[in-house]
Amino acid sequence: MALAIWKELRDTLNDSKMPMAVRVAAADGLGELGSSHSQETLLATLRDETAELEVRVAAVRALSRTVRSATR
């Protein structure tokens, strides 16, 4: 189940045709999942120089949530 959710969020985040707000929400969702797959996806988004700044910032915020939850 979590893998299917991750795939859907990943695909949404990576779809440049999606509205920016939807992609930001997908990044937030990946942060909530907190899996290693989510972290890898968010890091890739952060490194993607073609992604909108707002989407990359959302990836940073989401990554910070995954790191915080991993240290608890």
PDB file of N, CA and C in Angstrom:
ATOM      1  N   MET A   1       0.824  -1.197   0.000  1.00  0.00           N
ATOM      2  CA  MET A   1       0.000   0.000   0.000  1.00  0.00           C
ATOM      3  C   MET A   1       0.868   1.261   0.000  1.00  0.00           C
ATOM      4  N   ALA A   2       1.847   1.328   0.920  1.00  0.00           N
ATOM      5  CA  ALA A   2       2.704   2.514   0.991  1.00  0.00           C
ATOM      6  C   ALA A   2       3.494   2.686  -0.301  1.00  0.00           C
ATOM      7  N   LEU A   3       3.886   1.584  -0.915  1.00  0.00           N
ATOM      8  CA  LEU A   3       4.636   1.666  -2.168  1.00  0.00           C
ATOM      9  C   LEU A   3       3.767   2.266  -3.276  1.00  0.00           C
ATOM     10  N   ALA A   4       2.512   1.889  -3.318  1.00  0.00           N
ATOM     11  CA  ALA A   4       1.594   2.437  -4.327  1.00  0.00           C
ATOM     12  C   ALA A   4       1.379   3.933  -4.106  1.00  0.00           C
ATOM     13  N   ILE A   5       1.264   4.333  -2.853  1.00  0.00           N
ATOM     14  CA  ILE A   5       1.101   5.761  -2.537  1.00  0.00           C
ATOM     15  C   ILE A   5       2.352   6.519  -2.946  1.00  0.00           C
ATOM     16  N   TRP A   6       3.522   5.962  -2.600  1.00  0.00           N
ATOM     17  CA  TRP A   6       4.785   6.610  -2.980  1.00  0.00           C
ATOM     18  C   TRP A   6       4.867   6.797  -4.491  1.00  0.00           C
ATOM     19  N   LYS A   7       4.526   5.751  -5.243  1.00  0.00           N
ATOM     20  CA  LYS A   7       4.604   5.838  -6.703  1.00  0.00           C
ATOM     21  C   LYS A   7       3.692   6.936  -7.241  1.00  0.00           C
ATOM     22  N   GLU A   8       2.491   7.023  -6.706  1.00  0.00           N
ATOM     23  CA  GLU A   8       1.548   8.052  -7.158  1.00  0.00           C
ATOM     24  C   GLU A   8       2.064   9.452  -6.836  1.00  0.00           C
ATOM     25  N   LEU A   9       2.573   9.631  -5.627  1.00  0.00           N
ATOM     26  CA  LEU A   9       3.124  10.932  -5.238  1.00  0.00           C
ATOM     27  C   LEU A   9       4.366  11.268  -6.061  1.00  0.00           C
ATOM     28  N   ARG A  10       5.225  10.290  -6.279  1.00  0.00           N
ATOM     29  CA  ARG A  10       6.430  10.492  -7.094  1.00  0.00           C
ATOM     30  C   ARG A  10       6.062  10.935  -8.502  1.00  0.00           C
ATOM     31  N   ASP A  11       5.113  10.223  -9.100  1.00  0.00           N
ATOM     32  CA  ASP A  11       4.711  10.557 -10.468  1.00  0.00           C
ATOM     33  C   ASP A  11       4.104  11.953 -10.545  1.00  0.00           C
ATOM     34  N   THR A  12       3.322  12.310  -9.544  1.00  0.00           N
ATOM     35  CA  THR A  12       2.720  13.646  -9.507  1.00  0.00           C
ATOM     36  C   THR A  12       3.790  14.713  -9.352  1.00  0.00           C
ATOM     37  N   LEU A  13       4.718  14.493  -8.443  1.00  0.00           N
ATOM     38  CA  LEU A  13       5.793  15.452  -8.213  1.00  0.00           C
ATOM     39  C   LEU A  13       6.640  15.653  -9.464  1.00  0.00           C
ATOM     40  N   ASN A  14       6.880  14.596 -10.198  1.00  0.00           N
ATOM     41  CA  ASN A  14       7.751  14.656 -11.375  1.00  0.00           C
ATOM     42  C   ASN A  14       7.049  15.116 -12.650  1.00  0.00           C
ATOM     43  N   ASP A  15       5.733  15.279 -12.596  1.00  0.00           N
ATOM     44  CA  ASP A  15       4.968  15.663 -13.786  1.00  0.00           C
ATOM     45  C   ASP A  15       4.935  17.185 -13.918  1.00  0.00           C
ATOM     46  N   SER A  16       5.764  17.707 -14.790  1.00  0.00           N
ATOM     47  CA  SER A  16       5.863  19.164 -14.948  1.00  0.00           C
ATOM     48  C   SER A  16       4.592  19.784 -15.526  1.00  0.00           C
ATOM     49  N   LYS A  17       3.684  18.961 -16.032  1.00  0.00           N
ATOM     50  CA  LYS A  17       2.415  19.478 -16.554  1.00  0.00           C
ATOM     51  C   LYS A  17       1.389  19.699 -15.444  1.00  0.00           C
ATOM     52  N   MET A  18       1.661  19.141 -14.276  1.00  0.00           N
ATOM     53  CA  MET A  18       0.761  19.334 -13.134  1.00  0.00           C
ATOM     54  C   MET A  18       0.901  20.759 -12.609  1.00  0.00           C
ATOM     55  N   PRO A  19      -0.178  21.308 -12.065  1.00  0.00           N
ATOM     56  CA  PRO A  19      -0.056  22.631 -11.439  1.00  0.00           C
ATOM     57  C   PRO A  19       0.966  22.597 -10.304  1.00  0.00           C
ATOM     58  N   MET A  20       1.648  23.708 -10.132  1.00  0.00           N
ATOM     59  CA  MET A  20       2.696  23.779  -9.123  1.00  0.00           C
ATOM     60  C   MET A  20       2.159  23.431  -7.732  1.00  0.00           C
ATOM     61  N   ALA A  21       0.964  23.902  -7.397  1.00  0.00           N
ATOM     62  CA  ALA A  21       0.399  23.632  -6.074  1.00  0.00           C
ATOM     63  C   ALA A  21       0.194  22.132  -5.847  1.00  0.00           C
ATOM     64  N   VAL A  22      -0.152  21.415  -6.888  1.00  0.00           N
ATOM     65  CA  VAL A  22      -0.342  19.964  -6.785  1.00  0.00           C
ATOM     66  C   VAL A  22       1.006  19.286  -6.563  1.00  0.00           C
ATOM     67  N   ARG A  23       2.028  19.758  -7.254  1.00  0.00           N
ATOM     68  CA  ARG A  23       3.369  19.190  -7.084  1.00  0.00           C
ATOM     69  C   ARG A  23       3.910  19.478  -5.689  1.00  0.00           C
ATOM     70  N   VAL A  24       3.641  20.672  -5.180  1.00  0.00           N
ATOM     71  CA  VAL A  24       4.049  21.013  -3.809  1.00  0.00           C
ATOM     72  C   VAL A  24       3.344  20.090  -2.820  1.00  0.00           C
ATOM     73  N   ALA A  25       2.061  19.846  -3.032  1.00  0.00           N
ATOM     74  CA  ALA A  25       1.313  18.939  -2.156  1.00  0.00           C
ATOM     75  C   ALA A  25       1.877  17.518  -2.229  1.00  0.00           C
ATOM     76  N   ALA A  26       2.310  17.097  -3.407  1.00  0.00           N
ATOM     77  CA  ALA A  26       2.917  15.770  -3.551  1.00  0.00           C
ATOM     78  C   ALA A  26       4.217  15.693  -2.761  1.00  0.00           C
ATOM     79  N   ALA A  27       5.011  16.751  -2.801  1.00  0.00           N
ATOM     80  CA  ALA A  27       6.246  16.784  -2.006  1.00  0.00           C
ATOM     81  C   ALA A  27       5.916  16.679  -0.527  1.00  0.00           C
ATOM     82  N   ASP A  28       4.899  17.411  -0.090  1.00  0.00           N
ATOM     83  CA  ASP A  28       4.481  17.339   1.315  1.00  0.00           C
ATOM     84  C   ASP A  28       4.062  15.917   1.689  1.00  0.00           C
ATOM     85  N   GLY A  29       3.327  15.280   0.799  1.00  0.00           N
ATOM     86  CA  GLY A  29       2.902  13.907   1.048  1.00  0.00           C
ATOM     87  C   GLY A  29       4.077  12.950   1.161  1.00  0.00           C
ATOM     88  N   LEU A  30       5.072  13.140   0.322  1.00  0.00           N
ATOM     89  CA  LEU A  30       6.272  12.304   0.405  1.00  0.00           C
ATOM     90  C   LEU A  30       6.992  12.525   1.728  1.00  0.00           C
ATOM     91  N   GLY A  31       6.993  13.761   2.194  1.00  0.00           N
ATOM     92  CA  GLY A  31       7.590  14.046   3.499  1.00  0.00           C
ATOM     93  C   GLY A  31       6.859  13.338   4.620  1.00  0.00           C
ATOM     94  N   GLU A  32       5.547  13.256   4.502  1.00  0.00           N
ATOM     95  CA  GLU A  32       4.754  12.555   5.514  1.00  0.00           C
ATOM     96  C   GLU A  32       5.031  11.056   5.484  1.00  0.00           C
ATOM     97  N   LEU A  33       5.222  10.500   4.294  1.00  0.00           N
ATOM     98  CA  LEU A  33       5.535   9.067   4.201  1.00  0.00           C
ATOM     99  C   LEU A  33       6.861   8.766   4.891  1.00  0.00           C
ATOM    100  N   GLY A  34       7.854   9.594   4.610  1.00  0.00           N
ATOM    101  CA  GLY A  34       9.140   9.464   5.288  1.00  0.00           C
ATOM    102  C   GLY A  34       9.970   8.241   4.939  1.00  0.00           C
ATOM    103  N   SER A  35       9.620   7.535   3.891  1.00  0.00           N
ATOM    104  CA  SER A  35      10.372   6.331   3.523  1.00  0.00           C
ATOM    105  C   SER A  35      11.675   6.696   2.820  1.00  0.00           C
ATOM    106  N   SER A  36      12.544   5.708   2.690  1.00  0.00           N
ATOM    107  CA  SER A  36      13.797   5.952   1.959  1.00  0.00           C
ATOM    108  C   SER A  36      13.510   6.269   0.491  1.00  0.00           C
ATOM    109  N   HIS A  37      12.462   5.646  -0.071  1.00  0.00           N
ATOM    110  CA  HIS A  37      12.064   5.965  -1.447  1.00  0.00           C
ATOM    111  C   HIS A  37      11.651   7.432  -1.543  1.00  0.00           C
ATOM    112  N   SER A  38      10.914   7.884  -0.537  1.00  0.00           N
ATOM    113  CA  SER A  38      10.481   9.284  -0.517  1.00  0.00           C
ATOM    114  C   SER A  38      11.676  10.216  -0.447  1.00  0.00           C
ATOM    115  N   GLN A  39      12.621   9.887   0.400  1.00  0.00           N
ATOM    116  CA  GLN A  39      13.809  10.726   0.538  1.00  0.00           C
ATOM    117  C   GLN A  39      14.574  10.817  -0.780  1.00  0.00           C
ATOM    118  N   GLU A  40      14.742   9.694  -1.454  1.00  0.00           N
ATOM    119  CA  GLU A  40      15.454   9.684  -2.735  1.00  0.00           C
ATOM    120  C   GLU A  40      14.727  10.536  -3.772  1.00  0.00           C
ATOM    121  N   THR A  41      13.406  10.423  -3.802  1.00  0.00           N
ATOM    122  CA  THR A  41      12.605  11.205  -4.746  1.00  0.00           C
ATOM    123  C   THR A  41      12.730  12.694  -4.460  1.00  0.00           C
ATOM    124  N   LEU A  42      12.654  13.057  -3.193  1.00  0.00           N
ATOM    125  CA  LEU A  42      12.753  14.467  -2.807  1.00  0.00           C
ATOM    126  C   LEU A  42      14.142  15.026  -3.107  1.00  0.00           C
ATOM    127  N   LEU A  43      15.170  14.233  -2.868  1.00  0.00           N
ATOM    128  CA  LEU A  43      16.531  14.675  -3.200  1.00  0.00           C
ATOM    129  C   LEU A  43      16.689  14.902  -4.701  1.00  0.00           C
ATOM    130  N   ALA A  44      16.111  14.023  -5.490  1.00  0.00           N
ATOM    131  CA  ALA A  44      16.180  14.182  -6.946  1.00  0.00           C
ATOM    132  C   ALA A  44      15.470  15.461  -7.383  1.00  0.00           C
ATOM    133  N   THR A  45      14.353  15.757  -6.749  1.00  0.00           N
ATOM    134  CA  THR A  45      13.625  16.991  -7.068  1.00  0.00           C
ATOM    135  C   THR A  45      14.446  18.205  -6.678  1.00  0.00           C
ATOM    136  N   LEU A  46      15.066  18.132  -5.536  1.00  0.00           N
ATOM    137  CA  LEU A  46      15.901  19.239  -5.076  1.00  0.00           C
ATOM    138  C   LEU A  46      17.035  19.520  -6.061  1.00  0.00           C
ATOM    139  N   ARG A  47      17.591  18.478  -6.633  1.00  0.00           N
ATOM    140  CA  ARG A  47      18.715  18.616  -7.565  1.00  0.00           C
ATOM    141  C   ARG A  47      18.279  18.993  -8.986  1.00  0.00           C
ATOM    142  N   ASP A  48      16.985  18.885  -9.253  1.00  0.00           N
ATOM    143  CA  ASP A  48      16.457  19.145 -10.596  1.00  0.00           C
ATOM    144  C   ASP A  48      16.379  20.651 -10.842  1.00  0.00           C
ATOM    145  N   GLU A  49      17.318  21.154 -11.602  1.00  0.00           N
ATOM    146  CA  GLU A  49      17.386  22.593 -11.857  1.00  0.00           C
ATOM    147  C   GLU A  49      16.254  23.095 -12.742  1.00  0.00           C
ATOM    148  N   THR A  50      15.507  22.183 -13.364  1.00  0.00           N
ATOM    149  CA  THR A  50      14.377  22.604 -14.194  1.00  0.00           C
ATOM    150  C   THR A  50      13.087  22.723 -13.392  1.00  0.00           C
ATOM    151  N   ALA A  51      13.071  22.193 -12.173  1.00  0.00           N
ATOM    152  CA  ALA A  51      11.872  22.271 -11.330  1.00  0.00           C
ATOM    153  C   ALA A  51      11.691  23.699 -10.820  1.00  0.00           C
ATOM    154  N   GLU A  52      10.424  24.091 -10.669  1.00  0.00           N
ATOM    155  CA  GLU A  52      10.135  25.424 -10.145  1.00  0.00           C
ATOM    156  C   GLU A  52      10.737  25.576  -8.757  1.00  0.00           C
ATOM    157  N   LEU A  53      11.120  26.790  -8.435  1.00  0.00           N
ATOM    158  CA  LEU A  53      11.720  27.069  -7.135  1.00  0.00           C
ATOM    159  C   LEU A  53      10.800  26.639  -5.998  1.00  0.00           C
ATOM    160  N   GLU A  54       9.513  26.918  -6.122  1.00  0.00           N
ATOM    161  CA  GLU A  54       8.565  26.570  -5.062  1.00  0.00           C
ATOM    162  C   GLU A  54       8.507  25.061  -4.835  1.00  0.00           C
ATOM    163  N   VAL A  55       8.617  24.301  -5.913  1.00  0.00           N
ATOM    164  CA  VAL A  55       8.602  22.837  -5.806  1.00  0.00           C
ATOM    165  C   VAL A  55       9.881  22.361  -5.120  1.00  0.00           C
ATOM    166  N   ARG A  56      11.004  22.957  -5.467  1.00  0.00           N
ATOM    167  CA  ARG A  56      12.276  22.577  -4.839  1.00  0.00           C
ATOM    168  C   ARG A  56      12.284  22.947  -3.355  1.00  0.00           C
ATOM    169  N   VAL A  57      11.723  24.097  -3.019  1.00  0.00           N
ATOM    170  CA  VAL A  57      11.634  24.496  -1.609  1.00  0.00           C
ATOM    171  C   VAL A  57      10.732  23.524  -0.849  1.00  0.00           C
ATOM    172  N   ALA A  58       9.635  23.117  -1.464  1.00  0.00           N
ATOM    173  CA  ALA A  58       8.747  22.133  -0.833  1.00  0.00           C
ATOM    174  C   ALA A  58       9.487  20.817  -0.600  1.00  0.00           C
ATOM    175  N   ALA A  59      10.357  20.444  -1.532  1.00  0.00           N
ATOM    176  CA  ALA A  59      11.149  19.223  -1.364  1.00  0.00           C
ATOM    177  C   ALA A  59      12.085  19.347  -0.168  1.00  0.00           C
ATOM    178  N   VAL A  60      12.679  20.518   0.025  1.00  0.00           N
ATOM    179  CA  VAL A  60      13.558  20.737   1.184  1.00  0.00           C
ATOM    180  C   VAL A  60      12.761  20.614   2.479  1.00  0.00           C
ATOM    181  N   ARG A  61      11.600  21.258   2.524  1.00  0.00           N
ATOM    182  CA  ARG A  61      10.762  21.175   3.737  1.00  0.00           C
ATOM    183  C   ARG A  61      10.373  19.726   4.025  1.00  0.00           C
ATOM    184  N   ALA A  62       9.981  19.020   2.983  1.00  0.00           N
ATOM    185  CA  ALA A  62       9.565  17.627   3.155  1.00  0.00           C
ATOM    186  C   ALA A  62      10.739  16.761   3.609  1.00  0.00           C
ATOM    187  N   LEU A  63      11.913  17.000   3.051  1.00  0.00           N
ATOM    188  CA  LEU A  63      13.104  16.254   3.476  1.00  0.00           C
ATOM    189  C   LEU A  63      13.412  16.499   4.944  1.00  0.00           C
ATOM    190  N   SER A  64      13.245  17.728   5.381  1.00  0.00           N
ATOM    191  CA  SER A  64      13.526  18.025   6.790  1.00  0.00           C
ATOM    192  C   SER A  64      12.581  17.250   7.701  1.00  0.00           C
ATOM    193  N   ARG A  65      11.341  17.054   7.262  1.00  0.00           N
ATOM    194  CA  ARG A  65      10.402  16.257   8.068  1.00  0.00           C
ATOM    195  C   ARG A  65      10.837  14.795   8.127  1.00  0.00           C
ATOM    196  N   THR A  66      11.347  14.263   7.016  1.00  0.00           N
ATOM    197  CA  THR A  66      11.763  12.859   7.024  1.00  0.00           C
ATOM    198  C   THR A  66      12.972  12.666   7.924  1.00  0.00           C
ATOM    199  N   VAL A  67      13.868  13.634   7.944  1.00  0.00           N
ATOM    200  CA  VAL A  67      15.059  13.531   8.800  1.00  0.00           C
ATOM    201  C   VAL A  67      14.663  13.641  10.267  1.00  0.00           C
ATOM    202  N   ARG A  68      13.781  14.594  10.579  1.00  0.00           N
ATOM    203  CA  ARG A  68      13.332  14.752  11.969  1.00  0.00           C
ATOM    204  C   ARG A  68      12.631  13.504  12.475  1.00  0.00           C
ATOM    205  N   SER A  69      11.770  12.913  11.640  1.00  0.00           N
ATOM    206  CA  SER A  69      11.043  11.725  12.090  1.00  0.00           C
ATOM    207  C   SER A  69      11.972  10.520  12.216  1.00  0.00           C
ATOM    208  N   ALA A  70      13.041  10.484  11.432  1.00  0.00           N
ATOM    209  CA  ALA A  70      13.995   9.371  11.511  1.00  0.00           C
ATOM    210  C   ALA A  70      14.851   9.442  12.772  1.00  0.00           C
ATOM    211  N   THR A  71      15.017  10.634  13.320  1.00  0.00           N
ATOM    212  CA  THR A  71      15.863  10.787  14.508  1.00  0.00           C
ATOM    213  C   THR A  71      15.082  10.645  15.805  1.00  0.00           C
ATOM    214  N   ARG A  72      13.793  10.475  15.715  1.00  0.00           N
ATOM    215  CA  ARG A  72      12.970  10.322  16.936  1.00  0.00           C
ATOM    216  C   ARG A  72      12.972   8.911  17.435  1.00  0.00           C
TER     217      ARG A  72
END
